[in-house]
């Protein structure tokens, strides 16, 4: 029964995204504006396949091979959209974080009595040429897993940090992002 509920929920979510994209002025999934709302990767049947399809579309748009691209993430959609140029940008939401709290610009330590998993704001992702700069001058790469079991790594996302000391502290805290608990 749980499998059937999940399939129906994912089908309804995809249908909802499709309907919003079809509305006049609704925006698309890959325009970076979030006009259709952020796409929750957990609502996609195969999130890894979606990310790879975005990579393929980016390679076609930029006229290069997929091997020449790297994922670049930002919590400032306008900043990434400007850096991406013609490359498609996806606004992804519904992720949770373990090991810290994040408001879109700064990370903070989790209080002892706080829940282990915290929601994070929607993130913009684009596949850009390997020589393109990242969205943040100083950043750390945190793993994005399918579930909290950390069995399937989807991507590494960049999070802003103030320097190496802060990055080391978050690595020791086991900072990770997940699509579902």
N, C-alpha and C. Protein backbone atom coordinates (compact mmCIF):
# COMPACT_ATOMS: atom_id res chain seq x y z
N UNK A 1 0.81 -1.20 0.00
CA UNK A 1 0.00 0.00 0.00
C UNK A 1 0.86 1.26 0.00
N UNK A 2 1.96 1.23 0.79
CA UNK A 2 2.83 2.41 0.87
C UNK A 2 3.41 2.73 -0.51
N UNK A 3 3.79 1.70 -1.26
CA UNK A 3 4.33 1.89 -2.61
C UNK A 3 3.27 2.56 -3.50
N UNK A 4 2.05 2.09 -3.45
CA UNK A 4 0.97 2.66 -4.27
C UNK A 4 0.72 4.12 -3.89
N UNK A 5 0.71 4.43 -2.58
CA UNK A 5 0.53 5.82 -2.15
C UNK A 5 1.64 6.71 -2.68
N UNK A 6 2.86 6.23 -2.64
CA UNK A 6 4.00 7.01 -3.12
C UNK A 6 3.90 7.26 -4.61
N UNK A 7 3.56 6.25 -5.37
CA UNK A 7 3.43 6.40 -6.83
C UNK A 7 2.34 7.42 -7.16
N UNK A 8 1.19 7.31 -6.49
CA UNK A 8 0.09 8.25 -6.75
C UNK A 8 0.49 9.67 -6.36
N UNK A 9 1.16 9.83 -5.21
CA UNK A 9 1.58 11.16 -4.77
C UNK A 9 2.56 11.78 -5.76
N UNK A 10 3.49 10.99 -6.27
CA UNK A 10 4.47 11.50 -7.24
C UNK A 10 3.79 11.84 -8.56
N UNK A 11 2.86 11.03 -8.99
CA UNK A 11 2.15 11.31 -10.24
C UNK A 11 1.34 12.60 -10.12
N UNK A 12 0.67 12.79 -8.99
CA UNK A 12 -0.10 14.02 -8.77
C UNK A 12 0.80 15.25 -8.70
N UNK A 13 1.96 15.11 -8.07
CA UNK A 13 2.90 16.24 -7.99
C UNK A 13 3.40 16.63 -9.38
N UNK A 14 3.73 15.66 -10.19
CA UNK A 14 4.22 15.94 -11.54
C UNK A 14 3.10 16.56 -12.37
N UNK A 15 1.89 16.06 -12.22
CA UNK A 15 0.75 16.64 -12.94
C UNK A 15 0.53 18.09 -12.53
N UNK A 16 0.70 18.38 -11.24
CA UNK A 16 0.56 19.75 -10.75
C UNK A 16 1.62 20.67 -11.33
N UNK A 17 2.86 20.20 -11.40
CA UNK A 17 3.93 21.01 -12.01
C UNK A 17 3.63 21.25 -13.49
N UNK A 18 3.16 20.24 -14.16
CA UNK A 18 2.85 20.38 -15.59
C UNK A 18 1.74 21.41 -15.79
N UNK A 19 0.72 21.35 -14.98
CA UNK A 19 -0.40 22.30 -15.10
C UNK A 19 0.07 23.72 -14.85
N UNK A 20 0.90 23.94 -13.83
CA UNK A 20 1.41 25.29 -13.55
C UNK A 20 2.29 25.80 -14.68
N UNK A 21 3.05 24.92 -15.31
CA UNK A 21 3.92 25.34 -16.43
C UNK A 21 3.09 25.73 -17.65
N UNK A 22 1.90 25.15 -17.79
CA UNK A 22 1.06 25.42 -18.95
C UNK A 22 0.25 26.71 -18.81
N UNK A 23 0.13 27.24 -17.60
CA UNK A 23 -0.63 28.47 -17.39
C UNK A 23 0.12 29.64 -17.99
N UNK A 24 -0.62 30.62 -18.56
CA UNK A 24 0.05 31.81 -19.09
C UNK A 24 0.84 32.52 -17.99
N UNK A 25 2.11 32.78 -18.27
CA UNK A 25 2.97 33.45 -17.31
C UNK A 25 3.37 32.56 -16.14
N UNK A 26 3.11 31.26 -16.26
CA UNK A 26 3.40 30.34 -15.18
C UNK A 26 4.86 29.99 -15.03
N UNK A 27 5.67 30.23 -16.05
CA UNK A 27 7.08 29.89 -15.97
C UNK A 27 7.29 28.42 -16.19
N UNK A 28 8.51 28.05 -16.41
CA UNK A 28 8.85 26.66 -16.63
C UNK A 28 9.68 26.10 -15.50
N UNK A 29 9.90 24.81 -15.55
CA UNK A 29 10.71 24.16 -14.52
C UNK A 29 12.17 24.57 -14.60
N UNK A 30 12.62 24.96 -15.79
CA UNK A 30 14.04 25.23 -15.97
C UNK A 30 14.33 26.69 -16.30
N UNK A 31 13.49 27.60 -15.87
CA UNK A 31 13.78 29.01 -16.13
C UNK A 31 14.40 29.69 -14.92
N UNK A 32 14.53 28.96 -13.81
CA UNK A 32 15.18 29.48 -12.63
C UNK A 32 14.35 30.48 -11.84
N UNK A 33 13.19 30.85 -12.35
CA UNK A 33 12.38 31.86 -11.67
C UNK A 33 11.51 31.27 -10.57
N UNK A 34 11.24 30.00 -10.66
CA UNK A 34 10.34 29.39 -9.70
C UNK A 34 8.89 29.75 -9.97
N UNK A 35 8.60 30.26 -11.19
CA UNK A 35 7.24 30.65 -11.53
C UNK A 35 6.28 29.49 -11.38
N UNK A 36 6.75 28.29 -11.66
CA UNK A 36 5.93 27.10 -11.49
C UNK A 36 6.08 26.54 -10.08
N UNK A 37 6.81 27.26 -9.23
CA UNK A 37 7.10 26.78 -7.89
C UNK A 37 8.33 25.90 -7.92
N UNK A 38 9.01 25.78 -6.80
CA UNK A 38 10.19 24.92 -6.81
C UNK A 38 9.79 23.47 -7.05
N UNK A 39 10.62 22.77 -7.77
CA UNK A 39 10.41 21.35 -8.03
C UNK A 39 10.97 20.58 -6.84
N UNK A 40 10.14 19.80 -6.22
CA UNK A 40 10.61 18.94 -5.14
C UNK A 40 11.15 17.66 -5.77
N UNK A 41 12.47 17.47 -5.66
CA UNK A 41 13.08 16.29 -6.27
C UNK A 41 12.51 14.99 -5.72
N UNK A 42 12.05 15.02 -4.47
CA UNK A 42 11.47 13.81 -3.90
C UNK A 42 10.15 13.44 -4.59
N UNK A 43 9.53 14.38 -5.32
CA UNK A 43 8.28 14.09 -6.02
C UNK A 43 8.52 13.54 -7.42
N UNK A 44 9.77 13.47 -7.84
CA UNK A 44 10.12 12.93 -9.15
C UNK A 44 10.39 11.44 -8.99
N UNK A 45 10.01 10.64 -9.98
CA UNK A 45 10.18 9.20 -9.86
C UNK A 45 11.66 8.81 -9.73
N UNK A 46 12.53 9.45 -10.50
CA UNK A 46 13.96 9.16 -10.47
C UNK A 46 14.73 10.47 -10.43
N UNK A 47 15.01 10.99 -9.23
CA UNK A 47 15.70 12.28 -9.12
C UNK A 47 17.05 12.32 -9.82
N UNK A 48 17.81 11.23 -9.75
CA UNK A 48 19.10 11.17 -10.43
C UNK A 48 18.96 11.30 -11.93
N UNK A 49 17.92 10.71 -12.48
CA UNK A 49 17.66 10.82 -13.92
C UNK A 49 17.28 12.24 -14.29
N UNK A 50 16.50 12.91 -13.44
CA UNK A 50 16.15 14.31 -13.69
C UNK A 50 17.41 15.17 -13.72
N UNK A 51 18.30 14.99 -12.74
CA UNK A 51 19.53 15.79 -12.71
C UNK A 51 20.40 15.52 -13.93
N UNK A 52 20.44 14.26 -14.38
CA UNK A 52 21.22 13.94 -15.58
C UNK A 52 20.57 14.53 -16.83
N UNK A 53 19.25 14.55 -16.90
CA UNK A 53 18.56 15.17 -18.04
C UNK A 53 18.83 16.67 -18.07
N UNK A 54 18.87 17.30 -16.91
CA UNK A 54 19.21 18.72 -16.82
C UNK A 54 20.64 18.94 -17.32
N UNK A 55 21.52 18.03 -16.97
CA UNK A 55 22.91 18.10 -17.45
C UNK A 55 22.97 17.97 -18.96
N UNK A 56 22.21 17.03 -19.53
CA UNK A 56 22.18 16.85 -20.99
C UNK A 56 21.63 18.10 -21.68
N UNK A 57 20.56 18.67 -21.15
CA UNK A 57 19.97 19.87 -21.73
C UNK A 57 20.96 21.02 -21.67
N UNK A 58 21.69 21.14 -20.58
CA UNK A 58 22.68 22.19 -20.43
C UNK A 58 23.80 22.02 -21.45
N UNK A 59 24.25 20.79 -21.65
CA UNK A 59 25.31 20.53 -22.64
C UNK A 59 24.86 20.92 -24.04
N UNK A 60 23.61 20.59 -24.38
CA UNK A 60 23.08 20.98 -25.70
C UNK A 60 23.02 22.50 -25.84
N UNK A 61 22.49 23.17 -24.80
CA UNK A 61 22.34 24.62 -24.83
C UNK A 61 23.69 25.32 -24.92
N UNK A 62 24.68 24.82 -24.18
CA UNK A 62 26.00 25.46 -24.14
C UNK A 62 26.93 24.98 -25.25
N UNK A 63 26.52 23.93 -25.98
CA UNK A 63 27.32 23.44 -27.09
C UNK A 63 28.61 22.77 -26.66
N UNK A 64 28.55 21.98 -25.58
CA UNK A 64 29.75 21.28 -25.11
C UNK A 64 29.35 19.88 -24.67
N UNK A 65 30.35 19.07 -24.33
CA UNK A 65 30.04 17.72 -23.87
C UNK A 65 29.62 17.74 -22.41
N UNK A 66 28.90 16.72 -22.00
CA UNK A 66 28.44 16.63 -20.61
C UNK A 66 29.61 16.54 -19.65
N UNK A 67 30.71 15.94 -20.09
CA UNK A 67 31.88 15.80 -19.22
C UNK A 67 32.54 17.13 -18.89
N UNK A 68 32.22 18.15 -19.65
CA UNK A 68 32.82 19.47 -19.43
C UNK A 68 32.00 20.33 -18.48
N UNK A 69 30.96 19.75 -17.86
CA UNK A 69 30.07 20.52 -16.99
C UNK A 69 30.20 20.10 -15.53
N UNK A 70 29.92 21.03 -14.64
CA UNK A 70 29.90 20.77 -13.21
C UNK A 70 28.61 21.37 -12.63
N UNK A 71 28.08 20.78 -11.56
CA UNK A 71 26.89 21.37 -10.94
C UNK A 71 27.27 22.58 -10.09
N UNK A 72 26.53 23.66 -10.25
CA UNK A 72 26.73 24.87 -9.45
C UNK A 72 25.40 25.18 -8.79
N UNK A 73 25.44 25.39 -7.47
CA UNK A 73 24.21 25.65 -6.72
C UNK A 73 24.29 26.99 -6.01
N UNK A 74 23.13 27.57 -5.77
CA UNK A 74 23.05 28.84 -5.05
C UNK A 74 21.66 28.96 -4.43
N UNK A 75 21.60 29.64 -3.31
CA UNK A 75 20.32 29.94 -2.70
C UNK A 75 19.85 31.34 -3.08
N UNK A 76 20.55 31.97 -3.99
CA UNK A 76 20.16 33.26 -4.57
C UNK A 76 19.90 33.00 -6.05
N UNK A 77 18.64 32.76 -6.41
CA UNK A 77 18.27 32.37 -7.77
C UNK A 77 18.72 33.39 -8.81
N UNK A 78 18.58 34.67 -8.52
CA UNK A 78 18.95 35.72 -9.48
C UNK A 78 20.44 35.69 -9.76
N UNK A 79 21.24 35.46 -8.74
CA UNK A 79 22.69 35.42 -8.89
C UNK A 79 23.11 34.26 -9.79
N UNK A 80 22.52 33.10 -9.58
CA UNK A 80 22.88 31.94 -10.40
C UNK A 80 22.35 32.09 -11.81
N UNK A 81 21.16 32.62 -11.96
CA UNK A 81 20.58 32.83 -13.29
C UNK A 81 21.47 33.75 -14.12
N UNK A 82 22.00 34.82 -13.49
CA UNK A 82 22.89 35.74 -14.20
C UNK A 82 24.19 35.05 -14.60
N UNK A 83 24.73 34.20 -13.71
CA UNK A 83 25.98 33.50 -14.01
C UNK A 83 25.78 32.41 -15.05
N UNK A 84 24.59 31.82 -15.08
CA UNK A 84 24.34 30.69 -15.98
C UNK A 84 24.17 31.12 -17.43
N UNK A 85 23.78 32.36 -17.65
CA UNK A 85 23.57 32.81 -19.03
C UNK A 85 22.43 32.05 -19.67
N UNK A 86 22.75 31.31 -20.75
CA UNK A 86 21.72 30.58 -21.48
C UNK A 86 21.45 29.19 -20.92
N UNK A 87 22.26 28.74 -19.96
CA UNK A 87 22.08 27.40 -19.40
C UNK A 87 20.80 27.33 -18.58
N UNK A 88 20.08 26.22 -18.66
CA UNK A 88 18.87 26.09 -17.85
C UNK A 88 19.19 26.04 -16.36
N UNK A 89 18.33 26.66 -15.56
CA UNK A 89 18.48 26.68 -14.10
C UNK A 89 17.21 26.09 -13.50
N UNK A 90 17.38 25.13 -12.60
CA UNK A 90 16.24 24.51 -11.93
C UNK A 90 16.16 25.01 -10.50
N UNK A 91 14.96 25.37 -10.06
CA UNK A 91 14.72 25.75 -8.67
C UNK A 91 14.20 24.51 -7.96
N UNK A 92 14.97 24.01 -6.99
CA UNK A 92 14.66 22.76 -6.31
C UNK A 92 14.32 23.02 -4.86
N UNK A 93 13.23 22.46 -4.40
CA UNK A 93 12.78 22.67 -3.03
C UNK A 93 12.50 21.36 -2.32
N UNK A 94 12.06 21.49 -1.08
CA UNK A 94 11.65 20.32 -0.31
C UNK A 94 12.79 19.54 0.31
N UNK A 95 14.00 20.09 0.34
CA UNK A 95 15.13 19.37 0.91
C UNK A 95 15.21 19.63 2.41
N UNK A 96 15.85 18.71 3.10
CA UNK A 96 16.07 18.84 4.53
C UNK A 96 17.56 18.71 4.81
N UNK A 97 17.99 19.27 5.94
CA UNK A 97 19.41 19.27 6.31
C UNK A 97 19.58 18.66 7.69
N UNK A 98 20.69 17.96 7.86
CA UNK A 98 21.04 17.41 9.16
C UNK A 98 22.43 17.94 9.52
N UNK A 99 22.62 18.38 10.74
CA UNK A 99 23.91 18.85 11.20
C UNK A 99 24.00 20.35 11.35
N UNK A 100 23.02 21.09 10.85
CA UNK A 100 23.01 22.55 10.95
C UNK A 100 21.62 23.06 10.57
N UNK A 101 21.42 24.34 10.79
CA UNK A 101 20.25 25.02 10.23
C UNK A 101 20.78 25.97 9.17
N UNK A 102 19.97 26.26 8.17
CA UNK A 102 20.40 27.12 7.07
C UNK A 102 19.22 27.97 6.64
N UNK A 103 19.43 29.29 6.58
CA UNK A 103 18.36 30.21 6.21
C UNK A 103 18.47 30.71 4.77
N UNK A 104 19.40 30.18 4.01
CA UNK A 104 19.60 30.61 2.63
C UNK A 104 20.85 31.45 2.46
N UNK A 105 21.40 31.95 3.58
CA UNK A 105 22.63 32.72 3.48
C UNK A 105 23.67 32.32 4.53
N UNK A 106 23.23 31.84 5.68
CA UNK A 106 24.16 31.46 6.74
C UNK A 106 23.72 30.17 7.41
N UNK A 107 24.71 29.38 7.81
CA UNK A 107 24.42 28.18 8.59
C UNK A 107 24.62 28.50 10.06
N UNK A 108 23.90 27.78 10.90
CA UNK A 108 24.02 27.95 12.34
C UNK A 108 23.95 26.57 12.99
N UNK A 109 24.53 26.49 14.17
CA UNK A 109 24.53 25.23 14.91
C UNK A 109 23.11 24.86 15.33
N UNK A 110 22.88 23.59 15.47
CA UNK A 110 21.59 23.07 15.89
C UNK A 110 21.58 22.95 17.41
N UNK A 111 20.54 23.42 18.04
CA UNK A 111 20.41 23.28 19.49
C UNK A 111 20.19 21.82 19.85
N UNK A 112 20.62 21.45 21.03
CA UNK A 112 20.53 20.05 21.46
C UNK A 112 19.10 19.52 21.44
N UNK A 113 18.13 20.37 21.78
CA UNK A 113 16.73 19.92 21.84
C UNK A 113 16.00 20.08 20.50
N UNK A 114 16.67 20.59 19.49
CA UNK A 114 16.04 20.82 18.17
C UNK A 114 15.91 19.50 17.40
N UNK A 115 14.97 19.46 16.46
CA UNK A 115 14.84 18.25 15.62
C UNK A 115 16.13 18.00 14.83
N UNK A 116 16.41 16.75 14.54
CA UNK A 116 17.64 16.39 13.82
C UNK A 116 17.62 16.90 12.38
N UNK A 117 16.44 16.96 11.77
CA UNK A 117 16.32 17.37 10.38
C UNK A 117 15.59 18.71 10.31
N UNK A 118 16.12 19.62 9.50
CA UNK A 118 15.54 20.95 9.34
C UNK A 118 15.34 21.23 7.85
N UNK A 119 14.24 21.87 7.51
CA UNK A 119 13.97 22.25 6.12
C UNK A 119 14.93 23.36 5.71
N UNK A 120 15.30 23.37 4.43
CA UNK A 120 16.13 24.43 3.88
C UNK A 120 15.34 25.14 2.79
N UNK A 121 15.66 26.40 2.51
CA UNK A 121 14.95 27.13 1.45
C UNK A 121 15.23 26.49 0.08
N UNK A 122 14.43 26.81 -0.93
CA UNK A 122 14.68 26.28 -2.28
C UNK A 122 16.06 26.69 -2.79
N UNK A 123 16.68 25.80 -3.54
CA UNK A 123 18.02 25.97 -4.07
C UNK A 123 17.98 25.98 -5.59
N UNK A 124 18.76 26.85 -6.21
CA UNK A 124 18.89 26.87 -7.66
C UNK A 124 20.09 26.03 -8.06
N UNK A 125 19.94 25.26 -9.13
CA UNK A 125 21.02 24.41 -9.62
C UNK A 125 21.14 24.58 -11.12
N UNK A 126 22.38 24.70 -11.58
CA UNK A 126 22.66 24.76 -13.01
C UNK A 126 23.93 23.96 -13.28
N UNK A 127 24.01 23.39 -14.47
CA UNK A 127 25.24 22.72 -14.91
C UNK A 127 25.99 23.73 -15.76
N UNK A 128 27.18 24.10 -15.32
CA UNK A 128 27.98 25.11 -16.01
C UNK A 128 29.33 24.53 -16.41
N UNK A 129 30.03 25.17 -17.35
CA UNK A 129 31.36 24.68 -17.73
C UNK A 129 32.28 24.60 -16.52
N UNK A 130 33.21 23.64 -16.54
CA UNK A 130 34.09 23.42 -15.40
C UNK A 130 34.93 24.63 -15.05
N UNK A 131 35.19 25.52 -16.01
CA UNK A 131 35.99 26.70 -15.72
C UNK A 131 35.15 27.88 -15.20
N UNK A 132 33.85 27.71 -15.13
CA UNK A 132 32.97 28.77 -14.61
C UNK A 132 33.13 28.87 -13.10
N UNK A 133 33.04 30.07 -12.54
CA UNK A 133 33.17 30.21 -11.08
C UNK A 133 31.93 29.66 -10.37
N UNK A 134 32.14 29.27 -9.12
CA UNK A 134 31.01 28.86 -8.30
C UNK A 134 30.27 30.11 -7.84
N UNK A 135 29.09 29.94 -7.30
CA UNK A 135 28.26 31.07 -6.89
C UNK A 135 28.81 31.78 -5.66
N UNK A 136 29.61 31.07 -4.86
CA UNK A 136 30.13 31.65 -3.63
C UNK A 136 31.66 31.67 -3.69
N UNK A 137 32.26 32.74 -3.17
CA UNK A 137 33.72 32.86 -3.15
C UNK A 137 34.32 31.81 -2.20
N UNK A 138 33.74 31.66 -1.03
CA UNK A 138 34.16 30.60 -0.11
C UNK A 138 32.94 29.72 0.16
N UNK A 139 33.13 28.45 -0.04
CA UNK A 139 32.01 27.51 0.06
C UNK A 139 32.52 26.16 0.52
N UNK A 140 31.60 25.33 0.94
CA UNK A 140 31.89 23.93 1.19
C UNK A 140 30.92 23.11 0.36
N UNK A 141 31.34 21.92 -0.03
CA UNK A 141 30.44 21.04 -0.76
C UNK A 141 29.85 20.04 0.23
N UNK A 142 28.54 20.01 0.27
CA UNK A 142 27.82 19.09 1.15
C UNK A 142 27.11 18.05 0.29
N UNK A 143 27.08 16.80 0.75
CA UNK A 143 26.41 15.77 -0.03
C UNK A 143 24.89 15.92 0.03
N UNK A 144 24.24 15.64 -1.09
CA UNK A 144 22.78 15.58 -1.18
C UNK A 144 22.42 14.13 -1.44
N UNK A 145 21.78 13.52 -0.45
CA UNK A 145 21.40 12.10 -0.53
C UNK A 145 19.90 11.97 -0.79
N UNK A 146 19.52 10.81 -1.31
CA UNK A 146 18.10 10.51 -1.52
C UNK A 146 17.37 10.45 -0.16
N UNK A 147 17.90 9.67 0.78
CA UNK A 147 17.26 9.49 2.07
C UNK A 147 18.28 9.64 3.19
N UNK A 148 17.80 9.68 4.42
CA UNK A 148 18.68 9.85 5.57
C UNK A 148 19.55 8.62 5.84
N UNK A 149 19.32 7.53 5.12
CA UNK A 149 20.20 6.37 5.26
C UNK A 149 21.54 6.59 4.57
N UNK A 150 21.63 7.66 3.75
CA UNK A 150 22.86 8.05 3.06
C UNK A 150 23.38 6.96 2.12
N UNK A 151 22.47 6.19 1.53
CA UNK A 151 22.87 5.11 0.64
C UNK A 151 23.07 5.58 -0.80
N UNK A 152 22.31 6.56 -1.26
CA UNK A 152 22.37 7.01 -2.65
C UNK A 152 22.71 8.49 -2.70
N UNK A 153 23.94 8.80 -3.15
CA UNK A 153 24.38 10.18 -3.30
C UNK A 153 23.88 10.71 -4.64
N UNK A 154 23.18 11.84 -4.61
CA UNK A 154 22.67 12.45 -5.85
C UNK A 154 23.64 13.49 -6.40
N UNK A 155 24.16 14.34 -5.53
CA UNK A 155 25.03 15.43 -5.99
C UNK A 155 25.73 16.03 -4.78
N UNK A 156 26.65 16.92 -5.06
CA UNK A 156 27.27 17.73 -4.02
C UNK A 156 26.85 19.16 -4.29
N UNK A 157 26.37 19.83 -3.25
CA UNK A 157 25.88 21.20 -3.39
C UNK A 157 26.79 22.14 -2.61
N UNK A 158 26.93 23.35 -3.12
CA UNK A 158 27.79 24.33 -2.47
C UNK A 158 26.97 25.15 -1.47
N UNK A 159 27.55 25.32 -0.30
CA UNK A 159 26.95 26.13 0.76
C UNK A 159 27.96 27.21 1.15
N UNK A 160 27.50 28.44 1.36
CA UNK A 160 28.45 29.51 1.70
C UNK A 160 29.01 29.33 3.11
N UNK A 161 30.32 29.53 3.24
CA UNK A 161 30.99 29.51 4.54
C UNK A 161 31.95 30.69 4.61
N UNK A 162 32.38 31.03 5.81
CA UNK A 162 33.27 32.18 5.98
C UNK A 162 34.73 31.82 5.75
N UNK A 163 35.07 30.54 5.88
CA UNK A 163 36.45 30.14 5.67
C UNK A 163 36.67 28.68 6.00
N UNK A 164 37.94 28.22 5.94
CA UNK A 164 38.25 26.80 6.18
C UNK A 164 37.87 26.31 7.57
N UNK A 165 37.97 27.17 8.58
CA UNK A 165 37.63 26.75 9.94
C UNK A 165 36.15 26.40 10.04
N UNK A 166 35.32 27.24 9.46
CA UNK A 166 33.89 26.96 9.48
C UNK A 166 33.57 25.70 8.69
N UNK A 167 34.23 25.54 7.54
CA UNK A 167 33.99 24.34 6.73
C UNK A 167 34.36 23.09 7.53
N UNK A 168 35.49 23.10 8.22
CA UNK A 168 35.91 21.94 9.02
C UNK A 168 34.89 21.63 10.11
N UNK A 169 34.35 22.67 10.73
CA UNK A 169 33.36 22.47 11.79
C UNK A 169 32.12 21.78 11.24
N UNK A 170 31.66 22.18 10.04
CA UNK A 170 30.45 21.57 9.48
C UNK A 170 30.72 20.15 9.00
N UNK A 171 31.92 19.88 8.52
CA UNK A 171 32.27 18.51 8.13
C UNK A 171 32.24 17.61 9.37
N UNK A 172 32.83 18.08 10.46
CA UNK A 172 32.82 17.30 11.71
C UNK A 172 31.39 17.11 12.24
N UNK A 173 30.49 18.05 11.97
CA UNK A 173 29.10 17.94 12.41
C UNK A 173 28.31 16.96 11.56
N UNK A 174 28.90 16.48 10.46
CA UNK A 174 28.19 15.54 9.58
C UNK A 174 27.14 16.20 8.73
N UNK A 175 27.36 17.46 8.36
CA UNK A 175 26.39 18.22 7.58
C UNK A 175 26.05 17.51 6.26
N UNK A 176 24.78 17.27 6.04
CA UNK A 176 24.30 16.63 4.82
C UNK A 176 22.91 17.12 4.50
N UNK A 177 22.53 17.01 3.22
CA UNK A 177 21.18 17.33 2.77
C UNK A 177 20.52 16.06 2.26
N UNK A 178 19.18 16.04 2.36
CA UNK A 178 18.41 14.86 1.97
C UNK A 178 17.13 15.27 1.27
N UNK A 179 16.65 14.39 0.41
CA UNK A 179 15.35 14.64 -0.22
C UNK A 179 14.23 14.23 0.71
N UNK A 180 14.42 13.13 1.41
CA UNK A 180 13.40 12.64 2.35
C UNK A 180 14.08 12.10 3.60
N UNK A 181 13.33 12.08 4.64
CA UNK A 181 13.83 11.55 5.92
C UNK A 181 13.74 10.06 5.85
